[in-house]
Amino acid sequence: MAKPLLALAGAASLALGYKYVSAVSASKAQQKSDVGSATPEDFNKLFAKLLDKFLVYAKKEFDLSKPHMERLRWLFEYTCKGGKCYRASLAISTVKLAAEHKGQAFTKLRAEQAMVLGWCVEVLQACFLVADDIMDASTTRRGQPCWYLQPTIKMDAVNDSLILESFIYFLLNEYFGDNQTLFIKESKLFQKVSLQTQIGQMLDLTSQPQGGKGPEVLKRFNLDLYQKIVKYKTACYTFYLPLASGMLLAGYTDEADYELAREICMELGEKFQIQDDYLDCYGAPEMIGKIGTDIQDHKCSWLCVQALERMSPEQRAKFETVYGNEDEESVAWVKKLFNDLGLEEAFDKQEEESFARIEAKIAQATKTLPDLFTPILKKIHRRQK
């Protein structure tokens, strides 16, 4: 009798969890979202449509029971919704601006395809975040407990992250499968960027305790390593993926255009990640939606790299013993060191310098591309979350 009782308890827990997250998602859907030229209502309605398509397929293909279907719906609702939608906004805006630039009509069909690409990027991010929260032992994500901390989920979240990734290719096939050339190009792009992000995550993870910590590891921390982590972990999927996927849908074929777009996206990605690193330390948890752990995690963050370049031998000796410790006293000492080294002022300076540098590159790009980048730059400049 134990197993049936346990199964019933699990099913009830899943159902309760799904009802809870549905209410949260409904509330979040009413809030202002950033989804390019699509309205929040249109964007969320499309997600419901996409999810229903997938669930119909899953039930038919795998003969799933009601509790398993409810669990899948809960997974997608909980992990994919509630974000800032920067990446989706970029994909949608790219298609819209490219259509205007080429003198094409931004039809209802094209708008829906653009939103599908936006959701594909958002789902890929959800896939990465589910796995990342486990690896970082994070507690909150988007203002609610991380997915793996749900009592009925725990380490099952590892497999859930893989299901999320598979959902992307289901959507690409569903909406672009009739155009094999476009489908293959979009699929290759998502696969390549996924691998790049995974390699970036590996570089990031090996800067943390499982990869060792202390003096020998800190010797490897420098701006070059940091920029490599940022390029592959953040810039590729946060900026280049949504923009390039939109360019593919819009019909861009010149590789030079993609190279130019990639160069600017790498700069935007570095600026974005430096802001993330800064907010991890200085941002309010209620504003950024999570509790920062970069110091405890021994991350090769921008603040860490900048501090290593500025600290005295005496400060470094102490830093080597406390960086990566989880106790409040060690974390407080590191934060005070950051303040003593003037890193808040250094951050303010690089914010303005990066804005000017990227703005100059954008001016060159608009000779062959529509101005896809200025709205992004203005949106992320001085962001608070």
Protein backbone atom coordinates (compact mmCIF):
# COMPACT_ATOMS: atom_id res chain seq x y z
CA MET A 1 0.00 0.00 0.00
CA ALA A 2 2.92 2.39 0.62
CA LYS A 3 3.68 3.06 -3.03
CA PRO A 4 0.10 3.88 -4.10
CA LEU A 5 -0.32 6.17 -1.09
CA LEU A 6 2.95 7.91 -1.90
CA ALA A 7 1.94 8.30 -5.53
CA LEU A 8 -1.40 9.84 -4.52
CA ALA A 9 0.34 12.23 -2.14
CA GLY A 10 2.75 13.23 -4.87
CA ALA A 11 -0.05 13.81 -7.36
CA ALA A 12 -1.93 15.97 -4.85
CA SER A 13 1.21 17.97 -4.13
CA LEU A 14 1.78 18.52 -7.86
CA ALA A 15 -1.79 19.66 -8.35
CA LEU A 16 -1.56 22.11 -5.45
CA GLY A 17 1.76 23.40 -6.76
CA TYR A 18 0.33 23.91 -10.22
CA LYS A 19 -2.68 25.83 -8.84
CA TYR A 20 -0.31 28.06 -6.87
CA VAL A 21 1.96 28.88 -9.79
CA SER A 22 -1.01 29.46 -12.10
CA ALA A 23 -2.24 32.15 -9.73
CA VAL A 24 1.24 33.69 -9.56
CA SER A 25 1.59 33.59 -13.35
CA ALA A 26 -1.81 35.20 -13.82
CA SER A 27 -0.79 37.98 -11.48
CA LYS A 28 2.52 38.49 -13.26
CA ALA A 29 0.78 38.55 -16.65
CA GLN A 30 -1.12 41.63 -15.51
CA GLN A 31 2.13 43.47 -14.81
CA LYS A 32 3.92 45.52 -17.42
CA SER A 33 6.22 43.32 -19.52
CA ASP A 34 8.95 44.13 -22.00
CA VAL A 35 8.17 42.11 -25.12
CA GLY A 36 9.21 44.29 -28.00
CA SER A 37 6.32 45.40 -30.18
CA ALA A 38 4.00 42.69 -28.81
CA THR A 39 1.62 43.48 -25.98
CA PRO A 40 2.07 41.52 -22.74
CA GLU A 41 -1.36 39.99 -23.30
CA ASP A 42 -0.46 38.80 -26.82
CA PHE A 43 2.85 37.42 -25.63
CA ASN A 44 1.34 35.48 -22.74
CA LYS A 45 -1.59 34.23 -24.83
CA LEU A 46 0.89 32.85 -27.33
CA PHE A 47 2.76 31.03 -24.57
CA ALA A 48 -0.47 29.36 -23.51
CA LYS A 49 -1.06 28.32 -27.12
CA LEU A 50 2.49 26.97 -27.50
CA LEU A 51 2.30 25.06 -24.26
CA ASP A 52 -1.06 23.55 -25.15
CA LYS A 53 0.38 22.38 -28.49
CA PHE A 54 3.25 20.69 -26.68
CA LEU A 55 1.02 19.08 -24.05
CA VAL A 56 -1.31 17.66 -26.72
CA TYR A 57 1.75 16.21 -28.46
CA ALA A 58 3.22 14.84 -25.21
CA LYS A 59 -0.03 13.18 -24.12
CA LYS A 60 -0.49 11.51 -27.51
CA GLU A 61 3.17 10.55 -27.99
CA PHE A 62 3.87 9.27 -24.46
CA ASP A 63 0.37 8.38 -23.17
CA LEU A 64 0.89 10.51 -20.07
CA SER A 65 -1.40 10.42 -17.03
CA LYS A 66 -3.18 13.49 -15.69
CA PRO A 67 -0.67 14.03 -12.81
CA HIS A 68 2.23 13.91 -15.27
CA MET A 69 0.49 16.36 -17.59
CA GLU A 70 -0.13 18.70 -14.65
CA ARG A 71 3.51 18.41 -13.67
CA LEU A 72 4.66 19.38 -17.17
CA ARG A 73 2.35 22.38 -17.23
CA TRP A 74 3.57 23.42 -13.79
CA LEU A 75 7.21 23.12 -14.93
CA PHE A 76 6.73 25.43 -17.92
CA GLU A 77 4.51 27.94 -16.13
CA TYR A 78 6.84 28.17 -13.13
CA THR A 79 10.18 28.39 -14.91
CA CYS A 80 9.45 30.24 -18.17
CA LYS A 81 7.25 33.10 -17.04
CA GLY A 82 7.88 36.07 -14.76
CA GLY A 83 11.16 37.28 -16.26
CA LYS A 84 12.04 40.68 -17.71
CA CYS A 85 11.85 39.31 -21.28
CA TYR A 86 14.87 41.32 -22.52
CA ARG A 87 15.79 38.53 -24.91
CA ALA A 88 12.30 38.02 -26.30
CA SER A 89 11.97 41.76 -26.79
CA LEU A 90 15.16 41.80 -28.82
CA ALA A 91 14.05 38.95 -31.09
CA ILE A 92 10.66 40.55 -31.78
CA SER A 93 12.06 44.05 -32.27
CA THR A 94 14.72 42.73 -34.65
CA VAL A 95 12.13 41.15 -36.93
CA LYS A 96 9.91 44.26 -36.83
CA LEU A 97 12.73 46.75 -37.48
CA ALA A 98 14.23 44.54 -40.19
CA ALA A 99 10.86 44.39 -41.96
CA GLU A 100 10.66 48.19 -41.90
CA HIS A 101 14.25 48.48 -43.12
CA LYS A 102 13.54 46.12 -46.03
CA GLY A 103 10.18 47.70 -46.85
CA GLN A 104 8.32 44.52 -45.91
CA ALA A 105 4.97 44.24 -44.16
CA PHE A 106 5.11 43.13 -40.54
CA THR A 107 2.16 40.77 -40.96
CA LYS A 108 0.21 38.98 -38.24
CA LEU A 109 1.93 35.72 -39.22
CA ARG A 110 5.38 37.29 -39.09
CA ALA A 111 4.58 38.86 -35.72
CA GLU A 112 3.56 35.46 -34.35
CA GLN A 113 6.73 33.84 -35.73
CA ALA A 114 8.80 36.58 -34.11
CA MET A 115 7.08 35.97 -30.77
CA VAL A 116 7.73 32.23 -31.13
CA LEU A 117 11.43 32.96 -31.52
CA GLY A 118 11.19 35.22 -28.49
CA TRP A 119 9.70 32.40 -26.45
CA CYS A 120 12.34 29.96 -27.72
CA VAL A 121 15.03 32.24 -26.33
CA GLU A 122 13.13 32.68 -23.05
CA VAL A 123 12.72 28.91 -22.71
CA LEU A 124 16.44 28.42 -23.35
CA GLN A 125 17.14 30.89 -20.58
CA ALA A 126 14.75 29.01 -18.29
CA CYS A 127 16.65 25.80 -19.09
CA PHE A 128 19.94 27.44 -18.11
CA LEU A 129 18.51 29.07 -14.97
CA VAL A 130 17.02 25.84 -13.62
CA ALA A 131 20.42 24.15 -13.91
CA ASP A 132 22.36 27.21 -12.76
CA ASP A 133 20.31 27.55 -9.57
CA ILE A 134 21.13 23.96 -8.64
CA MET A 135 24.85 24.45 -9.27
CA ASP A 136 24.93 27.74 -7.34
CA ALA A 137 22.67 26.44 -4.55
CA SER A 138 20.55 29.54 -5.08
CA THR A 139 17.36 29.99 -3.06
CA THR A 140 15.26 32.44 -5.05
CA ARG A 141 14.65 33.18 -8.71
CA ARG A 142 12.36 35.94 -10.02
CA GLY A 143 11.09 36.58 -6.52
CA GLN A 144 10.04 33.00 -5.74
CA PRO A 145 11.78 29.79 -4.57
CA CYS A 146 14.00 28.15 -7.17
CA TRP A 147 12.35 25.29 -9.05
CA TYR A 148 14.60 22.62 -7.53
CA LEU A 149 13.56 23.72 -4.02
CA GLN A 150 9.95 22.65 -4.60
CA PRO A 151 9.39 19.70 -2.19
CA THR A 152 8.20 17.39 -4.97
CA ILE A 153 10.95 18.40 -7.43
CA LYS A 154 14.42 18.57 -5.85
CA MET A 155 17.09 16.99 -8.11
CA ASP A 156 14.44 15.93 -10.63
CA ALA A 157 14.98 19.49 -11.85
CA VAL A 158 18.07 18.27 -13.72
CA ASN A 159 15.87 16.29 -16.09
CA ASP A 160 13.38 19.14 -16.22
CA SER A 161 16.08 21.44 -17.62
CA LEU A 162 16.54 18.94 -20.47
CA ILE A 163 12.80 18.87 -21.14
CA LEU A 164 12.84 22.67 -21.38
CA GLU A 165 15.61 22.52 -23.98
CA SER A 166 13.71 19.93 -26.02
CA PHE A 167 10.65 22.19 -25.99
CA ILE A 168 12.64 24.72 -28.04
CA TYR A 169 13.19 22.33 -30.93
CA PHE A 170 9.57 21.23 -30.79
CA LEU A 171 8.55 24.87 -31.30
CA LEU A 172 11.07 25.49 -34.07
CA ASN A 173 9.82 22.44 -35.93
CA GLU A 174 6.18 23.35 -35.32
CA TYR A 175 6.51 26.88 -36.71
CA PHE A 176 9.40 26.69 -39.18
CA GLY A 177 9.50 23.02 -40.18
CA ASP A 178 7.77 23.75 -43.50
CA ASN A 179 10.74 25.93 -44.48
CA GLN A 180 13.60 23.46 -44.11
CA THR A 181 16.32 26.00 -44.91
CA LEU A 182 15.12 28.39 -42.20
CA PHE A 183 14.43 25.56 -39.75
CA ILE A 184 17.93 24.15 -40.14
CA LYS A 185 19.56 27.57 -39.78
CA GLU A 186 17.55 28.44 -36.68
CA SER A 187 18.18 25.02 -35.13
CA LYS A 188 21.91 25.23 -35.79
CA LEU A 189 22.01 28.69 -34.28
CA PHE A 190 20.25 27.55 -31.08
CA GLN A 191 22.46 24.45 -30.83
CA LYS A 192 25.66 26.44 -31.31
CA VAL A 193 24.71 29.10 -28.78
CA SER A 194 23.62 26.42 -26.30
CA LEU A 195 27.07 24.82 -26.48
CA GLN A 196 28.79 28.20 -26.22
CA THR A 197 26.77 28.99 -23.10
CA GLN A 198 27.53 25.59 -21.59
CA ILE A 199 31.27 26.12 -22.19
CA GLY A 200 30.99 29.57 -20.61
CA GLN A 201 29.28 27.99 -17.62
CA MET A 202 32.11 25.46 -17.34
CA LEU A 203 34.68 28.27 -17.30
CA ASP A 204 32.63 30.02 -14.63
CA LEU A 205 32.13 26.90 -12.51
CA THR A 206 35.84 26.02 -12.50
CA SER A 207 36.51 29.39 -10.88
CA GLN A 208 34.48 28.14 -7.89
CA PRO A 209 35.30 25.82 -4.95
CA GLN A 210 34.80 22.49 -6.74
CA GLY A 211 37.47 23.70 -9.13
CA GLY A 212 39.54 24.79 -6.14
CA LYS A 213 39.84 28.11 -4.31
CA GLY A 214 42.49 30.20 -2.64
CA PRO A 215 45.79 31.69 -3.85
CA GLU A 216 46.43 29.32 -6.77
CA VAL A 217 42.98 29.71 -8.27
CA LEU A 218 42.95 33.47 -7.72
CA LYS A 219 46.17 33.72 -9.74
CA ARG A 220 44.14 32.68 -12.80
CA PHE A 221 41.54 35.40 -12.23
CA ASN A 222 42.12 38.27 -14.64
CA LEU A 223 40.23 40.42 -17.12
CA ASP A 224 40.98 38.03 -20.00
CA LEU A 225 39.38 35.05 -18.23
CA TYR A 226 36.48 37.20 -17.12
CA GLN A 227 35.79 38.44 -20.65
CA LYS A 228 35.92 34.87 -21.99
CA ILE A 229 33.37 33.72 -19.40
CA VAL A 230 31.12 36.67 -20.22
CA LYS A 231 31.39 36.15 -23.97
CA TYR A 232 30.30 32.54 -23.89
CA LYS A 233 28.09 32.42 -20.80
CA THR A 234 26.15 35.65 -21.23
CA ALA A 235 26.67 37.63 -24.43
CA CYS A 236 26.00 34.84 -26.92
CA TYR A 237 22.55 33.84 -25.68
CA THR A 238 21.45 37.12 -24.12
CA PHE A 239 22.13 39.34 -27.12
CA TYR A 240 23.46 37.55 -30.18
CA LEU A 241 20.98 34.65 -30.17
CA PRO A 242 17.75 36.70 -30.13
CA LEU A 243 19.16 39.21 -32.61
CA ALA A 244 20.62 36.64 -35.03
CA SER A 245 17.51 34.45 -34.87
CA GLY A 246 15.44 37.52 -35.77
CA MET A 247 17.80 38.39 -38.61
CA LEU A 248 17.45 34.86 -40.00
CA LEU A 249 13.67 35.15 -39.97
CA ALA A 250 13.94 38.57 -41.64
CA GLY A 251 16.01 37.06 -44.47
CA TYR A 252 19.50 38.45 -43.85
CA THR A 253 22.10 36.38 -45.71
CA ASP A 254 25.32 38.41 -45.65
CA GLU A 255 27.78 36.92 -43.14
CA ALA A 256 29.38 40.35 -42.69
CA ASP A 257 26.12 41.61 -41.18
CA TYR A 258 26.12 38.76 -38.67
CA GLU A 259 29.78 39.37 -37.77
CA LEU A 260 29.12 43.06 -37.15
CA ALA A 261 26.05 42.25 -35.08
CA ARG A 262 28.04 39.69 -33.08
CA GLU A 263 30.80 42.20 -32.30
CA ILE A 264 28.34 44.70 -30.88
CA CYS A 265 26.47 41.96 -29.01
CA MET A 266 29.68 40.89 -27.27
CA GLU A 267 30.16 44.47 -26.05
CA LEU A 268 26.54 44.67 -24.89
CA GLY A 269 26.91 41.31 -23.16
CA GLU A 270 29.99 42.41 -21.23
CA LYS A 271 28.24 45.57 -20.09
CA PHE A 272 25.18 43.55 -19.07
CA GLN A 273 27.22 41.00 -17.09
CA ILE A 274 29.27 43.65 -15.32
CA GLN A 275 25.96 45.15 -14.22
CA ASP A 276 24.79 41.71 -13.03
CA ASP A 277 27.98 41.27 -11.02
CA TYR A 278 27.57 44.71 -9.48
CA LEU A 279 23.90 44.13 -8.64
CA ASP A 280 24.73 40.72 -7.12
CA CYS A 281 26.71 42.62 -4.49
CA TYR A 282 24.94 45.98 -4.27
CA GLY A 283 21.41 45.32 -5.60
CA ALA A 284 18.41 44.95 -3.29
CA PRO A 285 17.09 41.33 -3.34
CA GLU A 286 13.51 42.56 -3.65
CA MET A 287 14.54 44.54 -6.74
CA ILE A 288 16.72 41.96 -8.54
CA GLY A 289 14.59 38.95 -7.55
CA LYS A 290 17.36 36.92 -5.90
CA ILE A 291 19.91 36.96 -3.10
CA GLY A 292 23.42 37.50 -4.45
CA THR A 293 25.97 34.74 -3.81
CA ASP A 294 28.96 35.61 -6.03
CA ILE A 295 31.27 36.23 -3.04
CA GLN A 296 30.27 32.98 -1.32
CA ASP A 297 30.60 31.11 -4.64
CA HIS A 298 34.17 32.34 -5.25
CA LYS A 299 33.09 33.71 -8.63
CA CYS A 300 35.47 35.27 -11.11
CA SER A 301 33.26 38.35 -11.12
CA TRP A 302 34.03 41.82 -12.42
CA LEU A 303 34.22 43.11 -8.84
CA CYS A 304 36.67 40.36 -7.88
CA VAL A 305 38.92 40.98 -10.90
CA GLN A 306 38.92 44.73 -10.32
CA ALA A 307 39.67 44.25 -6.61
CA LEU A 308 42.61 41.94 -7.35
CA GLU A 309 44.15 44.64 -9.55
CA ARG A 310 43.79 47.29 -6.84
CA MET A 311 44.40 45.62 -3.47
CA SER A 312 47.60 45.81 -1.45
CA PRO A 313 49.67 42.68 -0.61
CA GLU A 314 48.24 42.77 2.92
CA GLN A 315 44.67 43.01 1.64
CA ARG A 316 45.31 40.19 -0.82
CA ALA A 317 46.63 37.89 1.91
CA LYS A 318 43.39 38.35 3.84
CA PHE A 319 41.25 38.17 0.67
CA GLU A 320 42.75 34.79 -0.21
CA THR A 321 41.56 33.36 3.10
CA VAL A 322 37.99 34.74 3.13
CA TYR A 323 36.85 34.93 -0.51
CA GLY A 324 34.50 32.03 -1.14
CA ASN A 325 33.57 31.58 2.53
CA GLU A 326 29.86 31.49 3.35
CA ASP A 327 29.87 33.03 6.82
CA GLU A 328 28.44 36.54 7.17
CA GLU A 329 31.66 37.97 8.62
CA SER A 330 33.73 36.95 5.59
CA VAL A 331 31.14 38.26 3.14
CA ALA A 332 30.93 41.56 5.02
CA TRP A 333 34.73 41.91 4.96
CA VAL A 334 34.87 41.38 1.20
CA LYS A 335 32.08 43.91 0.62
CA LYS A 336 33.88 46.45 2.77
CA LEU A 337 37.08 45.84 0.79
CA PHE A 338 35.18 46.47 -2.45
CA ASN A 339 33.98 49.77 -1.00
CA ASP A 340 37.45 50.72 0.28
CA LEU A 341 38.91 50.08 -3.18
CA GLY A 342 36.38 52.42 -4.77
CA LEU A 343 34.65 49.79 -6.90
CA GLU A 344 31.31 51.57 -6.87
CA GLU A 345 32.98 54.60 -8.45
CA ALA A 346 34.87 52.33 -10.88
CA PHE A 347 31.56 50.76 -11.90
CA ASP A 348 30.00 54.17 -12.53
CA LYS A 349 32.96 55.14 -14.71
CA GLN A 350 32.86 51.97 -16.83
CA GLU A 351 29.09 52.37 -17.27
CA GLU A 352 29.62 55.71 -19.02
CA GLU A 353 32.72 54.60 -20.94
CA SER A 354 31.04 51.41 -22.22
CA PHE A 355 28.00 53.42 -23.32
CA ALA A 356 30.14 55.78 -25.40
CA ARG A 357 32.20 52.93 -26.89
CA ILE A 358 29.18 50.85 -27.90
CA GLU A 359 27.35 53.90 -29.24
CA ALA A 360 30.27 54.59 -31.58
CA LYS A 361 30.20 51.00 -32.91
CA ILE A 362 26.45 51.19 -33.43
CA ALA A 363 26.93 54.26 -35.62
CA GLN A 364 29.14 52.16 -37.93
CA ALA A 365 26.69 49.24 -38.01
CA THR A 366 23.69 51.28 -39.13
CA LYS A 367 25.28 51.69 -42.56
CA THR A 368 24.13 48.15 -43.44
CA LEU A 369 21.72 47.21 -40.64
CA PRO A 370 18.66 48.92 -39.17
CA ASP A 371 19.33 50.45 -35.76
CA LEU A 372 18.67 47.32 -33.75
CA PHE A 373 21.10 48.17 -31.00
CA THR A 374 20.42 51.69 -29.67
CA PRO A 375 17.15 50.70 -27.94
CA ILE A 376 18.97 47.81 -26.25
CA LEU A 377 21.85 50.00 -25.14
CA LYS A 378 19.51 52.62 -23.71
CA LYS A 379 17.42 49.96 -22.01
CA ILE A 380 20.28 48.27 -20.18
CA HIS A 381 22.31 51.41 -19.41
CA ARG A 382 22.13 52.12 -15.68
CA ARG A 383 19.60 49.34 -15.14
CA GLN A 384 18.68 48.57 -11.55
CA LYS A 385 17.52 44.96 -11.92
